[in-house]
Amino acid sequence: MKCPFCGSIDSKVIDSRLNEDGTSIRRRRECISCLKRYTTYEKIEYTPILVVKSNGNRQIFDPAKIKNGILKACEKRPVPIAKVDKLVADIEKQVNNSLAQEISSKKIGEMVMDGLKTLDDVAYVRFASVHRQFKDINTLKEEIERLIGNKKDE
């Protein structure tokens, strides 16, 4: 690691700590040449995963887009932002752990719907109506009846 003050490549690590969520390591370093201290962060580098859209276009996977979609579905609903963040992190972990270089937007949408089912029924129906492109009110009614049936079984 090159010293930001003098440019020397010799340094020693004084302290290492995991961040709160365990995804990166914070290191305090001291330059051997000028004795100044600086902080570096080390994190895992993931290979970019492409999302294959329904029209065949490909985009780089962006968890912020998932969060925006979930927030729209949860608008004016009593869903804590911490639960939304956890759902996004869980989906991101599933996508990264799949080891696939490409994933369909449909599969990501299904992951979101599975998570929303446990968070809030109304948010689930809102998201499902957009993701599954309900053609008419009967399709919406069938989805609501299916959701109610699943709730009774639990």
Protein backbone atom coordinates (compact mmCIF):
# COMPACT_ATOMS: atom_id res chain seq x y z
CA MET A 1 0.00 0.00 0.00
CA LYS A 2 1.48 3.33 -1.09
CA CYS A 3 1.69 6.06 1.57
CA PRO A 4 -0.59 8.99 0.62
CA PHE A 5 1.90 11.44 2.17
CA CYS A 6 5.36 10.44 0.90
CA GLY A 7 4.61 7.71 -1.68
CA SER A 8 6.66 5.02 0.07
CA ILE A 9 5.39 1.46 -0.36
CA ASP A 10 6.66 0.30 3.04
CA SER A 11 4.13 0.42 5.84
CA LYS A 12 3.09 -1.60 8.85
CA VAL A 13 -0.40 -2.44 10.06
CA ILE A 14 -1.09 -1.05 13.52
CA ASP A 15 -4.73 -2.09 13.95
CA SER A 16 -7.29 -4.20 12.01
CA ARG A 17 -11.03 -4.27 12.65
CA LEU A 18 -14.09 -5.68 10.92
CA ASN A 19 -16.83 -3.17 10.14
CA GLU A 20 -20.26 -3.65 11.76
CA ASP A 21 -21.72 -5.92 9.07
CA GLY A 22 -18.52 -7.89 8.52
CA THR A 23 -18.16 -7.03 4.83
CA SER A 24 -14.88 -5.10 5.03
CA ILE A 25 -11.78 -4.68 7.17
CA ARG A 26 -10.52 -1.31 8.35
CA ARG A 27 -6.74 -1.14 8.77
CA ARG A 28 -4.71 1.62 10.45
CA ARG A 29 -1.28 1.78 8.88
CA GLU A 30 1.93 3.62 9.66
CA CYS A 31 4.42 4.56 6.97
CA ILE A 32 7.92 3.26 7.71
CA SER A 33 9.55 6.26 5.98
CA CYS A 34 7.62 9.34 7.21
CA LEU A 35 5.90 7.74 10.26
CA LYS A 36 2.51 9.23 9.35
CA ARG A 37 -0.62 7.16 9.86
CA TYR A 38 -3.47 6.51 7.45
CA THR A 39 -6.50 4.24 7.11
CA THR A 40 -7.23 1.69 4.39
CA TYR A 41 -10.26 -0.51 3.80
CA GLU A 42 -10.21 -4.01 2.38
CA LYS A 43 -13.30 -5.68 0.92
CA ILE A 44 -14.17 -8.58 -1.32
CA GLU A 45 -14.21 -7.79 -5.01
CA TYR A 46 -17.14 -9.45 -6.72
CA THR A 47 -17.25 -10.20 -10.42
CA PRO A 48 -20.03 -8.11 -11.92
CA ILE A 49 -23.30 -9.95 -12.36
CA LEU A 50 -25.50 -9.05 -15.30
CA VAL A 51 -29.28 -8.90 -15.06
CA VAL A 52 -31.03 -10.16 -18.19
CA LYS A 53 -34.16 -8.07 -18.72
CA SER A 54 -37.32 -9.48 -20.33
CA ASN A 55 -36.45 -7.72 -23.62
CA GLY A 56 -33.01 -9.36 -23.69
CA ASN A 57 -31.02 -6.28 -22.63
CA ARG A 58 -28.36 -6.75 -19.99
CA GLN A 59 -27.53 -4.41 -17.11
CA ILE A 60 -25.10 -4.65 -14.23
CA PHE A 61 -26.82 -5.87 -11.05
CA ASP A 62 -27.63 -2.87 -8.84
CA PRO A 63 -29.11 -3.46 -5.36
CA ALA A 64 -30.23 0.21 -5.27
CA LYS A 65 -32.78 -0.57 -8.00
CA ILE A 66 -34.19 -3.40 -5.89
CA LYS A 67 -34.43 -1.10 -2.88
CA ASN A 68 -36.23 1.57 -4.92
CA GLY A 69 -38.77 -0.98 -6.15
CA ILE A 70 -39.38 -2.28 -2.65
CA LEU A 71 -39.72 1.25 -1.27
CA LYS A 72 -42.32 2.08 -3.93
CA ALA A 73 -44.29 -1.05 -3.02
CA CYS A 74 -44.05 -0.23 0.70
CA GLU A 75 -44.99 3.44 0.28
CA LYS A 76 -47.38 4.58 3.04
CA ARG A 77 -47.15 1.16 4.70
CA PRO A 78 -45.83 0.44 8.22
CA VAL A 79 -42.66 -1.30 7.02
CA PRO A 80 -39.47 -0.24 8.85
CA ILE A 81 -36.57 0.80 6.59
CA ALA A 82 -34.32 -1.62 8.51
CA LYS A 83 -36.45 -4.54 7.27
CA VAL A 84 -36.27 -3.21 3.70
CA ASP A 85 -32.47 -2.94 3.98
CA LYS A 86 -32.26 -6.49 5.35
CA LEU A 87 -34.40 -7.82 2.48
CA VAL A 88 -32.19 -6.05 -0.08
CA ALA A 89 -29.04 -7.42 1.61
CA ASP A 90 -30.51 -10.94 1.63
CA ILE A 91 -31.36 -10.74 -2.08
CA GLU A 92 -27.91 -9.35 -2.89
CA LYS A 93 -26.32 -12.21 -0.94
CA GLN A 94 -28.48 -14.79 -2.80
CA VAL A 95 -27.50 -13.31 -6.17
CA ASN A 96 -23.78 -13.19 -5.31
CA ASN A 97 -23.83 -16.71 -3.84
CA SER A 98 -25.50 -18.15 -6.94
CA LEU A 99 -22.10 -18.06 -8.71
CA ALA A 100 -23.91 -17.26 -11.96
CA GLN A 101 -22.62 -14.44 -14.14
CA GLU A 102 -26.13 -13.65 -15.37
CA ILE A 103 -29.51 -13.73 -13.64
CA SER A 104 -32.94 -12.96 -15.05
CA SER A 105 -34.93 -9.99 -13.81
CA LYS A 106 -37.84 -12.40 -13.36
CA LYS A 107 -35.84 -14.45 -10.85
CA ILE A 108 -34.87 -11.31 -8.92
CA GLY A 109 -38.52 -10.21 -8.94
CA GLU A 110 -39.54 -13.57 -7.49
CA MET A 111 -36.94 -13.17 -4.72
CA VAL A 112 -38.36 -9.73 -3.92
CA MET A 113 -41.93 -11.08 -3.87
CA ASP A 114 -40.93 -13.94 -1.55
CA GLY A 115 -39.44 -11.41 0.85
CA LEU A 116 -42.36 -8.98 0.61
CA LYS A 117 -44.82 -11.79 1.39
CA THR A 118 -43.43 -11.96 4.90
CA LEU A 119 -43.09 -8.17 5.32
CA ASP A 120 -46.41 -6.76 4.16
CA ASP A 121 -49.32 -8.21 2.16
CA VAL A 122 -50.26 -4.92 0.50
CA ALA A 123 -46.67 -4.23 -0.56
CA TYR A 124 -46.49 -7.77 -1.94
CA VAL A 125 -49.65 -7.30 -4.04
CA ARG A 126 -48.43 -3.91 -5.30
CA PHE A 127 -45.07 -5.33 -6.36
CA ALA A 128 -46.63 -8.49 -7.84
CA SER A 129 -49.10 -6.47 -9.90
CA VAL A 130 -46.21 -4.64 -11.60
CA HIS A 131 -43.78 -7.57 -11.78
CA ARG A 132 -46.31 -10.07 -13.12
CA GLN A 133 -48.04 -7.42 -15.25
CA PHE A 134 -51.60 -8.21 -14.19
CA LYS A 135 -53.80 -7.76 -17.25
CA ASP A 136 -57.09 -7.17 -15.43
CA ILE A 137 -58.83 -7.06 -12.07
CA ASN A 138 -59.54 -10.83 -12.14
CA THR A 139 -55.82 -11.63 -12.21
CA LEU A 140 -55.34 -9.33 -9.23
CA LYS A 141 -58.26 -10.98 -7.42
CA GLU A 142 -56.81 -14.46 -8.04
CA GLU A 143 -53.44 -13.39 -6.59
CA ILE A 144 -55.12 -11.93 -3.49
CA GLU A 145 -57.17 -15.12 -3.02
CA ARG A 146 -54.00 -17.20 -3.34
CA LEU A 147 -52.30 -15.01 -0.73
CA ILE A 148 -55.27 -15.35 1.63
CA GLY A 149 -55.28 -19.14 1.11
CA ASN A 150 -51.58 -19.34 1.97
CA LYS A 151 -52.16 -17.27 5.14
CA LYS A 152 -54.91 -19.65 6.27
CA ASP A 153 -52.61 -22.67 5.73
CA GLU A 154 -49.96 -21.17 8.02
